């Protein structure tokens, strides 16, 4: 099975091209399937259908079948979007799968481009694009050009590909990054990080008390043994009564016949036509189904006047409305925070089953960092603090000397102890950059140059069978690289479900940059006149400015195609106080 991506911006004609290619490929004896990525909420099922009712009732999978076709409707209750690999595993054996969308996924692709969209080409930033089909030849193209209307030539290109190749076949340059090739885009590097970030901590649960579980990764789905709430209860302080006892029109005067407080026995009796004084959280007495807020009622000495217009069940929390007994309240892979601990406690849990901690071997590199070298090592304490915020076990292995044999031996020893090795420095092309060579000699180097600023030299690979992340030596570049790539890698290896930490800020500044690379700007944030968070930046964004980084509130990410920023532009950003806490 070979996957071929049909990539391009909205309006470029991807669907039309696929529609024309399928019959041409089938005529050549090639079997074809398709996968379509939906960017917006969609549903192929409709209310009223039996399948819709099955899903609404809680079925995880619904298989609808007839003599003509069948369709499997799967409820993606995991929350995260399924990987393309998982989706394709559900397809019957086939020669070629044409994939529409998933343009950031690492598979061979044909880019579809129309000049009228006003969008830049994807190809310069995506080494997986093999050719471009466009309505006119794009200038400076470094891959083959095909006229968009020449379906036969496009079909010939796809048909000539090795249809027996695995879906995971690498691009022509190979799985390892070619040092002489172009820089890899941030999007491509992120895709490779996600691909490599498979859990390595096992699923054998480690039981921990609630207080000790904060920051840990849940090992299995957590099912609540009780409904939340366990019984119908009052959502406010007020008076409980039977809605059927209200007068058809106008206000209703009812005698108050009892008192109900949370955790206490009902005082008095619930009688027909009467009301019970009730407080938030108290179980509704038998025969009552509605609560009026005390602010909306008129209390008398032994009665209450209830206004007209109150709906049935008002101010009532129904039993199980938050969670039914036996339902999943926390999913495996949840990184446990205070709100999750509160939910677990409400369900009656004293302990939680978590994964073991990820073990990370941490190094700095360079003789200049030692006392004899006259320098100071800021990266290792900084990265150690970042890692501890992620609740991993840090194995601090000190400073690697500028000795190729010592570097290789130290990395080899650490690989036997850790799940992940992280270094800073030593991965560029200088004579004293020994880490890159040591990794290539003992394992595999998948990439080591990214089109970004700061932090162009950044390595991902393996030392033996242990995953390796090499960060730049400049402190700010190391911080940015860890925040952008290290955090998702660490959490993925630890077994956490993917999560986004991207916010948006309004620009309060003017800035220009080169096209073709991603830039990260350190920014301070203040509240604008309308309440919108507004970013400001300093003039010097140098990779050695630690004091500037320490004062920053956010890290703004400018995409490769962005060249000019003006005040008022809305920009994606990582809020530093939220990024790993």
Protein backbone atom coordinates (compact mmCIF):
# COMPACT_ATOMS: atom_id res chain seq x y z
CA UNK A 1 0.00 0.00 0.00
CA UNK A 2 1.47 3.34 -1.06
CA UNK A 3 0.20 6.66 0.23
CA UNK A 4 0.34 9.64 -2.10
CA UNK A 5 -0.67 12.98 -0.61
CA UNK A 6 -2.56 15.48 -2.76
CA UNK A 7 -1.62 18.65 -0.91
CA UNK A 8 -2.48 22.29 -1.40
CA UNK A 9 -4.29 25.26 0.02
CA UNK A 10 -8.09 25.51 0.03
CA UNK A 11 -9.41 26.37 -3.43
CA UNK A 12 -6.48 24.85 -5.31
CA UNK A 13 -8.56 22.02 -6.81
CA UNK A 14 -7.42 18.96 -4.86
CA UNK A 15 -10.80 17.19 -4.91
CA UNK A 16 -11.32 17.85 -8.62
CA UNK A 17 -7.86 16.46 -9.39
CA UNK A 18 -8.47 13.29 -7.35
CA UNK A 19 -11.84 12.83 -9.02
CA UNK A 20 -10.13 12.92 -12.42
CA UNK A 21 -7.16 10.75 -11.42
CA UNK A 22 -9.09 7.79 -9.98
CA UNK A 23 -10.59 6.49 -13.26
CA UNK A 24 -7.25 6.96 -15.07
CA UNK A 25 -5.38 4.96 -12.44
CA UNK A 26 -8.05 2.26 -12.33
CA UNK A 27 -7.82 1.95 -16.13
CA UNK A 28 -4.11 1.13 -15.66
CA UNK A 29 -5.02 -1.78 -13.38
CA UNK A 30 -4.15 0.07 -10.16
CA UNK A 31 -6.55 -0.27 -7.25
CA UNK A 32 -7.24 3.02 -5.50
CA UNK A 33 -8.67 4.16 -2.19
CA UNK A 34 -8.85 7.66 -0.74
CA UNK A 35 -8.58 9.32 2.64
CA UNK A 36 -10.06 12.79 3.06
CA UNK A 37 -9.15 15.06 5.97
CA UNK A 38 -12.03 17.22 7.16
CA UNK A 39 -10.84 20.51 8.60
CA UNK A 40 -14.25 21.40 10.00
CA UNK A 41 -16.83 19.53 12.07
CA UNK A 42 -18.73 17.12 9.87
CA UNK A 43 -20.97 14.10 10.15
CA UNK A 44 -22.09 11.50 7.63
CA UNK A 45 -24.88 10.39 9.97
CA UNK A 46 -28.12 12.31 10.46
CA UNK A 47 -30.63 12.59 13.33
CA UNK A 48 -33.46 10.10 13.06
CA UNK A 49 -31.40 7.31 11.47
CA UNK A 50 -31.04 4.09 13.45
CA UNK A 51 -27.25 4.43 13.33
CA UNK A 52 -27.49 7.94 14.76
CA UNK A 53 -29.64 6.66 17.62
CA UNK A 54 -27.16 3.86 18.32
CA UNK A 55 -24.27 6.33 18.52
CA UNK A 56 -26.25 8.75 20.65
CA UNK A 57 -26.99 5.93 23.07
CA UNK A 58 -23.24 5.38 23.56
CA UNK A 59 -22.09 2.80 21.00
CA UNK A 60 -18.37 3.21 20.23
CA UNK A 61 -18.63 1.67 16.72
CA UNK A 62 -21.66 1.39 14.45
CA UNK A 63 -21.35 -0.68 11.27
CA UNK A 64 -24.01 0.07 8.67
CA UNK A 65 -24.18 -2.48 5.88
CA UNK A 66 -26.16 -3.26 2.74
CA UNK A 67 -25.61 -5.28 -0.43
CA UNK A 68 -24.09 -2.17 -2.06
CA UNK A 69 -21.62 -0.96 0.60
CA UNK A 70 -20.89 -0.73 4.30
CA UNK A 71 -19.68 2.11 6.50
CA UNK A 72 -18.01 1.99 9.90
CA UNK A 73 -18.89 4.95 12.15
CA UNK A 74 -16.36 5.22 14.97
CA UNK A 75 -16.81 7.67 17.84
CA UNK A 76 -13.43 9.27 18.46
CA UNK A 77 -13.82 9.62 22.21
CA UNK A 78 -10.04 9.75 22.71
CA UNK A 79 -10.27 13.49 21.98
CA UNK A 80 -7.09 13.70 19.90
CA UNK A 81 -7.32 13.43 16.13
CA UNK A 82 -6.35 9.95 14.84
CA UNK A 83 -3.02 9.59 13.05
CA UNK A 84 -3.05 8.91 9.32
CA UNK A 85 -1.35 5.58 10.01
CA UNK A 86 -4.23 4.49 12.24
CA UNK A 87 -6.80 5.50 9.64
CA UNK A 88 -5.06 3.68 6.81
CA UNK A 89 -4.82 0.53 8.90
CA UNK A 90 -8.62 0.29 8.57
CA UNK A 91 -8.49 0.14 4.76
CA UNK A 92 -8.59 -3.10 2.76
CA UNK A 93 -5.35 -4.02 0.95
CA UNK A 94 -4.94 -1.64 -1.98
CA UNK A 95 -2.25 -0.41 -4.38
CA UNK A 96 -2.47 3.35 -3.85
CA UNK A 97 -4.22 5.55 -1.31
CA UNK A 98 -4.73 9.13 -2.46
CA UNK A 99 -4.71 11.32 0.65
CA UNK A 100 -6.46 14.71 0.46
CA UNK A 101 -5.35 17.03 3.23
CA UNK A 102 -2.89 15.96 5.94
CA UNK A 103 -0.50 18.33 4.17
CA UNK A 104 1.91 18.41 7.12
CA UNK A 105 2.19 14.61 7.32
CA UNK A 106 5.46 12.99 6.21
CA UNK A 107 4.34 11.05 3.11
CA UNK A 108 5.23 11.53 -0.57
CA UNK A 109 3.00 14.25 -2.01
CA UNK A 110 1.92 16.01 -5.17
CA UNK A 111 1.22 19.68 -4.54
CA UNK A 112 -1.75 21.30 -6.29
CA UNK A 113 -1.32 25.03 -6.80
CA UNK A 114 -3.35 27.81 -8.38
CA UNK A 115 -1.84 31.28 -8.64
CA UNK A 116 -5.26 32.85 -8.15
CA UNK A 117 -5.43 31.72 -4.51
CA UNK A 118 -2.63 34.16 -3.63
CA UNK A 119 -1.00 31.50 -1.44
CA UNK A 120 2.69 30.63 -1.38
CA UNK A 121 3.89 27.20 -2.47
CA UNK A 122 4.15 24.51 0.18
CA UNK A 123 7.01 22.83 -1.66
CA UNK A 124 9.95 24.94 -0.45
CA UNK A 125 9.20 23.95 3.15
CA UNK A 126 8.15 20.34 2.55
CA UNK A 127 10.82 17.87 1.31
CA UNK A 128 8.12 15.22 0.81
CA UNK A 129 6.59 17.05 -2.17
CA UNK A 130 7.77 15.18 -5.31
CA UNK A 131 6.19 17.43 -7.95
CA UNK A 132 3.88 20.43 -8.35
CA UNK A 133 0.77 20.47 -10.56
CA UNK A 134 -0.17 24.09 -11.21
CA UNK A 135 -2.08 26.25 -13.68
CA UNK A 136 1.21 28.00 -14.58
CA UNK A 137 4.87 27.18 -13.89
CA UNK A 138 5.81 28.64 -10.46
CA UNK A 139 9.10 30.57 -10.47
CA UNK A 140 12.12 28.99 -8.80
CA UNK A 141 10.59 25.51 -8.62
CA UNK A 142 13.10 22.80 -7.62
CA UNK A 143 10.86 19.76 -8.32
CA UNK A 144 9.12 18.67 -11.56
CA UNK A 145 6.24 20.84 -12.84
CA UNK A 146 3.08 19.33 -14.34
CA UNK A 147 0.26 21.33 -15.98
CA UNK A 148 -2.77 21.04 -13.72
CA UNK A 149 -5.03 20.21 -16.67
CA UNK A 150 -2.83 17.35 -17.96
CA UNK A 151 -4.38 14.48 -15.99
CA UNK A 152 -2.67 11.81 -18.10
CA UNK A 153 0.80 13.07 -17.22
CA UNK A 154 -0.11 13.36 -13.54
CA UNK A 155 -1.56 9.84 -13.56
CA UNK A 156 1.59 8.58 -15.30
CA UNK A 157 3.76 10.10 -12.55
CA UNK A 158 1.73 8.41 -9.82
CA UNK A 159 1.54 5.11 -11.72
CA UNK A 160 5.33 5.02 -12.13
CA UNK A 161 5.82 5.10 -8.38
CA UNK A 162 6.58 1.79 -6.68
CA UNK A 163 3.07 0.69 -5.73
CA UNK A 164 4.45 -2.14 -3.66
CA UNK A 165 6.30 0.20 -1.31
CA UNK A 166 5.26 0.48 2.31
CA UNK A 167 3.15 3.45 3.36
CA UNK A 168 6.06 4.56 5.53
CA UNK A 169 8.58 4.62 2.69
CA UNK A 170 10.95 7.58 3.08
CA UNK A 171 11.43 10.31 0.50
CA UNK A 172 14.13 9.78 -2.14
CA UNK A 173 16.85 11.28 0.07
CA UNK A 174 16.30 8.59 2.75
CA UNK A 175 15.01 8.59 6.32
CA UNK A 176 18.05 10.35 7.73
CA UNK A 177 18.32 14.04 7.04
CA UNK A 178 20.80 14.91 4.30
CA UNK A 179 23.27 17.48 5.72
CA UNK A 180 23.83 18.89 2.26
CA UNK A 181 20.10 19.19 1.57
CA UNK A 182 17.76 22.05 2.38
CA UNK A 183 16.81 22.93 5.93
CA UNK A 184 13.78 21.05 7.23
CA UNK A 185 10.74 23.18 8.04
CA UNK A 186 9.40 23.49 11.57
CA UNK A 187 6.22 21.73 10.39
CA UNK A 188 8.19 18.77 9.04
CA UNK A 189 10.32 18.58 12.19
CA UNK A 190 7.15 18.63 14.31
CA UNK A 191 5.68 15.80 12.22
CA UNK A 192 8.77 13.69 12.80
CA UNK A 193 8.70 14.47 16.51
CA UNK A 194 5.07 13.30 16.67
CA UNK A 195 5.97 10.16 14.74
CA UNK A 196 8.81 9.30 17.14
CA UNK A 197 6.97 10.30 20.33
CA UNK A 198 5.45 6.89 21.04
CA UNK A 199 5.07 5.87 24.70
CA UNK A 200 8.07 4.06 26.17
CA UNK A 201 7.02 4.01 29.83
CA UNK A 202 4.75 0.98 29.54
CA UNK A 203 1.15 0.66 30.66
CA UNK A 204 1.72 -1.26 33.92
CA UNK A 205 -0.12 1.01 36.39
CA UNK A 206 1.69 2.45 39.40
CA UNK A 207 -0.87 3.29 42.14
CA UNK A 208 -0.32 6.72 43.71
CA UNK A 209 -2.27 8.81 46.18
CA UNK A 210 -4.20 11.74 44.76
CA UNK A 211 -1.75 14.36 46.03
CA UNK A 212 1.24 12.49 44.57
CA UNK A 213 -0.49 12.00 41.20
CA UNK A 214 -0.39 15.66 40.11
CA UNK A 215 1.62 15.95 36.89
CA UNK A 216 1.70 12.18 36.28
CA UNK A 217 0.23 10.37 33.25
CA UNK A 218 -2.87 8.23 33.76
CA UNK A 219 -2.08 4.65 32.71
CA UNK A 220 -5.62 3.37 32.02
CA UNK A 221 -9.11 4.74 31.48
CA UNK A 222 -10.71 5.68 34.79
CA UNK A 223 -14.31 4.53 35.26
CA UNK A 224 -16.37 6.11 38.00
CA UNK A 225 -18.03 3.62 40.36
CA UNK A 226 -20.77 6.13 41.19
CA UNK A 227 -22.94 8.57 39.30
CA UNK A 228 -22.14 12.27 39.52
CA UNK A 229 -24.17 13.54 41.24
CA UNK A 230 -25.37 10.30 42.85
CA UNK A 231 -28.94 11.63 43.28
CA UNK A 232 -31.08 14.57 42.18
CA UNK A 233 -29.96 17.56 44.20
CA UNK A 234 -30.40 21.31 44.50
CA UNK A 235 -28.15 23.57 42.44
CA UNK A 236 -28.99 26.68 44.52
CA UNK A 237 -30.29 27.72 47.91
CA UNK A 238 -34.08 28.02 47.73
CA UNK A 239 -37.26 25.98 47.99
CA UNK A 240 -37.98 22.55 46.50
CA UNK A 241 -41.45 21.50 45.39
CA UNK A 242 -43.37 19.44 42.82
CA UNK A 243 -43.78 21.41 39.61
CA UNK A 244 -47.26 19.92 39.16
CA UNK A 245 -48.39 21.70 42.34
CA UNK A 246 -47.93 25.19 40.82
CA UNK A 247 -51.03 27.21 39.99
CA UNK A 248 -51.77 27.30 36.23
CA UNK A 249 -51.50 31.07 36.25
CA UNK A 250 -49.91 33.59 38.56
CA UNK A 251 -47.83 33.08 41.68
CA UNK A 252 -48.30 30.09 43.98
CA UNK A 253 -48.28 30.23 47.80
CA UNK A 254 -47.06 27.03 49.45
CA UNK A 255 -46.59 26.09 53.10
CA UNK A 256 -42.98 25.26 54.04
CA UNK A 257 -43.11 21.78 55.60
CA UNK A 258 -39.46 20.86 56.05
CA UNK A 259 -35.77 21.70 55.71
CA UNK A 260 -33.06 19.90 53.67
CA UNK A 261 -29.32 20.64 53.95
CA UNK A 262 -26.45 18.83 52.23
CA UNK A 263 -25.27 15.83 54.20
CA UNK A 264 -28.09 16.04 56.73
CA UNK A 265 -31.31 14.16 57.26
CA UNK A 266 -34.50 15.84 56.03
CA UNK A 267 -36.26 17.71 58.83
CA UNK A 268 -40.01 17.59 58.43
CA UNK A 269 -41.96 15.99 55.57
CA UNK A 270 -42.44 16.63 51.88
CA UNK A 271 -46.18 16.88 51.36
CA UNK A 272 -48.31 17.45 48.30
CA UNK A 273 -48.79 21.15 47.67
CA UNK A 274 -45.98 22.08 50.06
CA UNK A 275 -42.37 23.26 49.71
CA UNK A 276 -39.12 22.29 51.42
CA UNK A 277 -36.50 24.86 52.39
CA UNK A 278 -33.38 23.50 50.67
CA UNK A 279 -29.71 24.39 50.35
CA UNK A 280 -27.16 23.86 47.57
CA UNK A 281 -26.09 20.23 47.24
CA UNK A 282 -28.92 18.76 49.31
CA UNK A 283 -30.74 15.75 47.87
CA UNK A 284 -34.22 16.64 46.61
CA UNK A 285 -36.83 15.16 48.98
CA UNK A 286 -39.16 12.51 47.53
CA UNK A 287 -41.94 13.99 45.43
CA UNK A 288 -40.06 17.23 44.61
CA UNK A 289 -38.53 17.96 41.22
CA UNK A 290 -38.00 21.74 40.95
CA UNK A 291 -36.20 24.43 42.97
CA UNK A 292 -36.89 28.16 43.06
CA UNK A 293 -33.94 30.41 43.98
CA UNK A 294 -34.44 32.12 47.32
CA UNK A 295 -33.83 35.49 45.60
CA UNK A 296 -36.81 34.86 43.32
CA UNK A 297 -39.22 33.72 46.05
CA UNK A 298 -41.05 35.70 48.75
CA UNK A 299 -40.56 34.07 52.15
CA UNK A 300 -43.23 34.32 54.83
CA UNK A 301 -43.15 33.01 58.36
CA UNK A 302 -44.30 29.51 57.47
CA UNK A 303 -44.86 29.71 53.71
CA UNK A 304 -43.24 30.81 50.47
CA UNK A 305 -44.66 32.55 47.39
CA UNK A 306 -43.28 31.13 44.13
CA UNK A 307 -43.47 33.33 41.03
CA UNK A 308 -45.12 32.15 37.82
CA UNK A 309 -43.13 30.93 34.82
CA UNK A 310 -40.71 28.55 36.51
CA UNK A 311 -39.89 25.64 34.23
CA UNK A 312 -40.04 21.99 35.27
CA UNK A 313 -36.71 20.85 36.80
CA UNK A 314 -35.35 24.37 37.26
CA UNK A 315 -32.25 24.62 39.50
CA UNK A 316 -32.08 20.84 39.82
CA UNK A 317 -28.94 18.81 39.20
CA UNK A 318 -30.15 15.47 37.86
CA UNK A 319 -28.52 12.26 39.05
CA UNK A 320 -25.73 11.28 36.64
CA UNK A 321 -25.87 14.51 34.62
CA UNK A 322 -22.11 14.97 35.07
CA UNK A 323 -21.20 11.27 34.70
CA UNK A 324 -23.08 7.99 34.76
CA UNK A 325 -21.89 5.18 37.02
CA UNK A 326 -19.45 2.99 35.07
CA UNK A 327 -18.60 5.68 32.49
CA UNK A 328 -15.06 6.83 31.58
CA UNK A 329 -14.37 10.10 33.40
CA UNK A 330 -10.62 10.33 32.69
CA UNK A 331 -8.94 8.77 29.66
CA UNK A 332 -5.63 6.97 29.55
CA UNK A 333 -2.85 9.42 28.72
CA UNK A 334 -4.36 12.32 30.66
CA UNK A 335 -1.69 14.47 32.27
CA UNK A 336 -3.21 14.91 35.69
CA UNK A 337 -3.83 18.42 37.00
CA UNK A 338 -5.82 19.89 39.85
CA UNK A 339 -9.14 19.63 38.00
CA UNK A 340 -8.56 15.92 37.29
CA UNK A 341 -7.67 15.26 40.94
CA UNK A 342 -10.90 16.99 42.00
CA UNK A 343 -12.93 14.80 39.65
CA UNK A 344 -11.22 11.62 40.86
CA UNK A 345 -11.94 12.56 44.47
CA UNK A 346 -15.60 13.22 43.63
CA UNK A 347 -15.78 9.73 42.15
CA UNK A 348 -14.47 8.25 45.40
CA UNK A 349 -10.88 7.42 44.39
CA UNK A 350 -8.06 7.63 46.93
CA UNK A 351 -5.35 6.49 44.51
CA UNK A 352 -4.86 6.70 40.74
CA UNK A 353 -3.12 4.27 38.33
CA UNK A 354 -0.32 6.22 36.61
CA UNK A 355 2.57 5.40 34.28
CA UNK A 356 6.11 5.32 35.61
CA UNK A 357 8.12 8.49 35.11
CA UNK A 358 10.10 9.00 31.93
CA UNK A 359 13.87 8.88 32.55
CA UNK A 360 15.79 11.64 30.76
CA UNK A 361 19.58 11.74 30.61
CA UNK A 362 20.72 15.38 30.43
CA UNK A 363 24.09 16.73 29.25
CA UNK A 364 25.70 20.04 28.46
CA UNK A 365 28.70 20.09 26.15
CA UNK A 366 31.92 22.04 25.78
CA UNK A 367 35.16 22.58 27.70
CA UNK A 368 34.33 26.28 27.93
CA UNK A 369 31.53 25.53 30.41
CA UNK A 370 33.85 24.11 33.06
CA UNK A 371 35.41 26.23 35.76
CA UNK A 372 38.76 25.72 34.11
CA UNK A 373 37.27 27.01 30.87
CA UNK A 374 36.11 30.18 32.57
CA UNK A 375 32.45 29.78 31.61
CA UNK A 376 29.21 28.86 33.33
CA UNK A 377 26.64 26.24 32.36
CA UNK A 378 23.20 27.86 32.20
CA UNK A 379 21.59 25.37 29.83
CA UNK A 380 21.67 22.30 32.03
CA UNK A 381 20.01 23.93 35.09
CA UNK A 382 17.46 25.59 32.79
CA UNK A 383 16.60 22.38 30.94
CA UNK A 384 16.55 20.41 34.18
CA UNK A 385 14.01 22.86 35.59
CA UNK A 386 11.88 22.56 32.45
CA UNK A 387 12.01 18.77 32.60
CA UNK A 388 11.09 18.66 36.28
CA UNK A 389 8.05 20.81 35.52
CA UNK A 390 7.03 17.98 33.18
CA UNK A 391 7.43 15.55 36.12
CA UNK A 392 10.10 13.35 34.56
CA UNK A 393 13.07 11.72 36.30
CA UNK A 394 16.13 13.79 35.36
CA UNK A 395 19.44 11.95 35.20
CA UNK A 396 21.93 14.82 35.31
CA UNK A 397 25.09 13.58 33.62
CA UNK A 398 27.06 16.79 33.71
CA UNK A 399 29.21 18.39 31.00
CA UNK A 400 30.58 16.44 28.02
CA UNK A 401 34.21 17.36 27.36
CA UNK A 402 35.35 18.24 23.84
CA UNK A 403 36.73 14.75 23.30
CA UNK A 404 35.07 12.60 20.60
CA UNK A 405 35.85 9.32 22.36
CA UNK A 406 34.62 10.58 25.74
CA UNK A 407 31.43 11.96 24.16
CA UNK A 408 30.63 8.67 22.45
CA UNK A 409 31.32 6.63 25.58
CA UNK A 410 29.25 8.93 27.84
CA UNK A 411 26.26 8.87 25.48
CA UNK A 412 26.50 5.09 25.22
CA UNK A 413 26.49 4.66 29.00
CA UNK A 414 23.57 7.04 29.46
CA UNK A 415 21.57 5.31 26.72
CA UNK A 416 21.49 2.18 28.88
CA UNK A 417 19.94 4.11 31.77
CA UNK A 418 17.52 6.54 30.14
CA UNK A 419 14.47 6.57 27.87
CA UNK A 420 15.60 9.83 26.23
CA UNK A 421 18.92 11.66 25.99
CA UNK A 422 19.01 15.46 25.71
CA UNK A 423 22.13 17.48 25.02
CA UNK A 424 22.75 21.16 24.34
CA UNK A 425 25.53 22.25 22.03
CA UNK A 426 27.91 20.17 19.92
CA UNK A 427 25.53 19.46 17.03
CA UNK A 428 26.66 21.98 14.43
CA UNK A 429 29.49 21.54 11.90
CA UNK A 430 32.50 22.87 13.82
CA UNK A 431 35.62 20.85 14.58
CA UNK A 432 34.63 20.65 18.26
CA UNK A 433 30.99 19.69 17.59
CA UNK A 434 31.39 16.03 18.56
CA UNK A 435 27.84 15.15 19.62
CA UNK A 436 26.43 14.98 16.09
CA UNK A 437 29.21 12.63 14.97
CA UNK A 438 28.85 10.46 18.08
CA UNK A 439 25.11 10.04 17.52
CA UNK A 440 25.60 9.18 13.84
CA UNK A 441 28.28 6.63 14.80
CA UNK A 442 26.30 4.87 17.53
CA UNK A 443 22.76 5.13 16.24
CA UNK A 444 20.92 7.31 13.76
CA UNK A 445 20.58 11.02 13.08
CA UNK A 446 17.21 11.85 11.53
CA UNK A 447 17.53 15.62 11.25
CA UNK A 448 19.89 18.29 12.41
CA UNK A 449 19.08 21.55 10.64
CA UNK A 450 15.73 23.34 10.81
CA UNK A 451 14.59 26.47 8.99
CA UNK A 452 13.99 28.47 12.16
CA UNK A 453 15.44 31.36 14.16
CA UNK A 454 16.73 31.01 16.79
CA UNK A 455 17.72 27.35 16.94
CA UNK A 456 18.63 26.21 13.43
CA UNK A 457 20.87 23.31 14.56
CA UNK A 458 18.58 20.83 16.29
CA UNK A 459 19.00 17.06 16.17
CA UNK A 460 16.57 14.18 16.51
CA UNK A 461 17.71 10.58 16.38
CA UNK A 462 18.74 7.51 18.36
CA UNK A 463 21.76 6.48 20.42
CA UNK A 464 21.46 2.75 20.08
CA UNK A 465 17.75 2.20 20.75
CA UNK A 466 17.38 5.25 22.97
CA UNK A 467 15.81 8.38 21.55
CA UNK A 468 18.01 11.46 21.32
CA UNK A 469 17.27 15.19 21.16
CA UNK A 470 20.14 17.58 20.53
CA UNK A 471 19.44 21.25 21.29
CA UNK A 472 21.53 24.27 20.27
CA UNK A 473 24.18 25.60 22.62
CA UNK A 474 22.89 29.18 22.76
CA UNK A 475 20.65 29.44 25.85
CA UNK A 476 17.67 31.15 24.22
CA UNK A 477 17.85 28.80 21.21
CA UNK A 478 17.98 25.81 23.57
CA UNK A 479 14.92 27.11 25.44
CA UNK A 480 12.96 27.73 22.24
CA UNK A 481 13.94 24.35 20.79
CA UNK A 482 12.90 22.53 23.95
CA UNK A 483 9.61 24.40 24.23
CA UNK A 484 8.69 23.81 20.58
CA UNK A 485 10.03 20.27 20.10
CA UNK A 486 11.21 18.91 23.43
CA UNK A 487 7.92 19.28 25.30
CA UNK A 488 5.80 17.28 22.80
CA UNK A 489 8.58 14.68 22.51
CA UNK A 490 8.90 14.23 26.28
CA UNK A 491 5.15 14.09 26.88
CA UNK A 492 4.62 11.70 23.96
CA UNK A 493 7.31 9.31 25.20
CA UNK A 494 5.81 9.55 28.69
CA UNK A 495 2.45 8.41 27.29
CA UNK A 496 0.53 11.69 27.46
CA UNK A 497 -2.22 12.44 24.98
CA UNK A 498 -1.37 15.24 22.52
CA UNK A 499 -2.46 18.70 23.60
CA UNK A 500 -2.07 22.18 22.19
CA UNK A 501 -0.47 25.00 24.18
CA UNK A 502 -0.94 27.67 21.49
CA UNK A 503 -2.70 30.92 22.35
CA UNK A 504 -3.20 34.07 20.27
CA UNK A 505 -2.05 37.60 20.91
CA UNK A 506 -2.56 40.91 19.18
CA UNK A 507 0.59 42.54 17.84
CA UNK A 508 1.45 45.90 19.32
CA UNK A 509 4.55 46.25 17.17
CA UNK A 510 5.91 46.35 13.62
CA UNK A 511 8.33 43.65 12.45
CA UNK A 512 9.81 42.36 9.19
CA UNK A 513 11.45 38.99 8.54
CA UNK A 514 12.71 36.85 5.71
CA UNK A 515 10.34 34.45 4.01
CA UNK A 516 11.11 30.73 4.13
CA UNK A 517 11.88 30.23 7.80
CA UNK A 518 9.96 30.23 11.06
CA UNK A 519 10.97 32.88 13.59
CA UNK A 520 10.26 32.95 17.30
CA UNK A 521 10.01 36.30 19.07
CA UNK A 522 10.14 36.84 22.82
CA UNK A 523 7.36 39.18 23.85
CA UNK A 524 5.94 40.88 26.90
CA UNK A 525 2.15 40.96 27.15
CA UNK A 526 -0.18 43.64 28.47
CA UNK A 527 -3.94 44.07 28.35
CA UNK A 528 -5.18 46.33 25.56
CA UNK A 529 -7.96 48.92 26.00
CA UNK A 530 -10.53 46.35 24.82
CA UNK A 531 -9.17 43.59 27.06
CA UNK A 532 -7.33 41.75 24.28
CA UNK A 533 -3.82 40.61 25.30
CA UNK A 534 -1.34 42.70 23.30
CA UNK A 535 2.31 41.79 22.66
CA UNK A 536 5.38 44.00 22.59
CA UNK A 537 8.91 42.96 21.61
CA UNK A 538 12.40 44.24 22.30
CA UNK A 539 14.73 45.42 19.56
CA UNK A 540 17.36 42.74 20.25
CA UNK A 541 16.14 39.16 19.84
CA UNK A 542 19.63 37.63 20.05
CA UNK A 543 20.00 33.96 21.01
CA UNK A 544 22.24 34.79 23.97
CA UNK A 545 19.91 37.28 25.68
CA UNK A 546 18.87 35.29 28.76
CA UNK A 547 17.83 38.39 30.70
CA UNK A 548 15.50 39.30 27.84
CA UNK A 549 14.06 35.78 27.91
CA UNK A 550 13.54 35.93 31.67
CA UNK A 551 11.41 39.08 31.29
CA UNK A 552 9.30 37.62 28.45
CA UNK A 553 5.71 36.46 28.88
CA UNK A 554 5.23 34.70 25.54
CA UNK A 555 6.95 33.16 22.56
CA UNK A 556 5.43 34.33 19.26
CA UNK A 557 5.76 31.95 16.28
CA UNK A 558 5.90 33.53 12.82
CA UNK A 559 5.30 31.05 9.99
CA UNK A 560 7.67 30.81 6.98
CA UNK A 561 5.30 32.66 4.65
CA UNK A 562 4.88 35.60 7.04
CA UNK A 563 7.15 38.56 6.23
CA UNK A 564 5.49 41.67 7.70
CA UNK A 565 3.79 42.20 11.05
CA UNK A 566 1.72 45.31 11.73
CA UNK A 567 0.01 46.50 14.90
CA UNK A 568 -3.34 44.76 15.27
CA UNK A 569 -2.31 41.48 13.57
CA UNK A 570 -3.39 38.34 15.48
CA UNK A 571 -0.41 36.06 16.09
CA UNK A 572 -0.05 32.51 17.46
CA UNK A 573 1.98 32.35 20.64
CA UNK A 574 3.01 30.06 23.48
CA UNK A 575 2.35 31.66 26.86
CA UNK A 576 5.43 30.86 28.91
CA UNK A 577 3.68 30.60 32.28
CA UNK A 578 1.26 28.03 30.80
CA UNK A 579 3.57 26.15 28.46
CA UNK A 580 4.69 23.36 30.75
CA UNK A 581 2.92 23.97 34.05
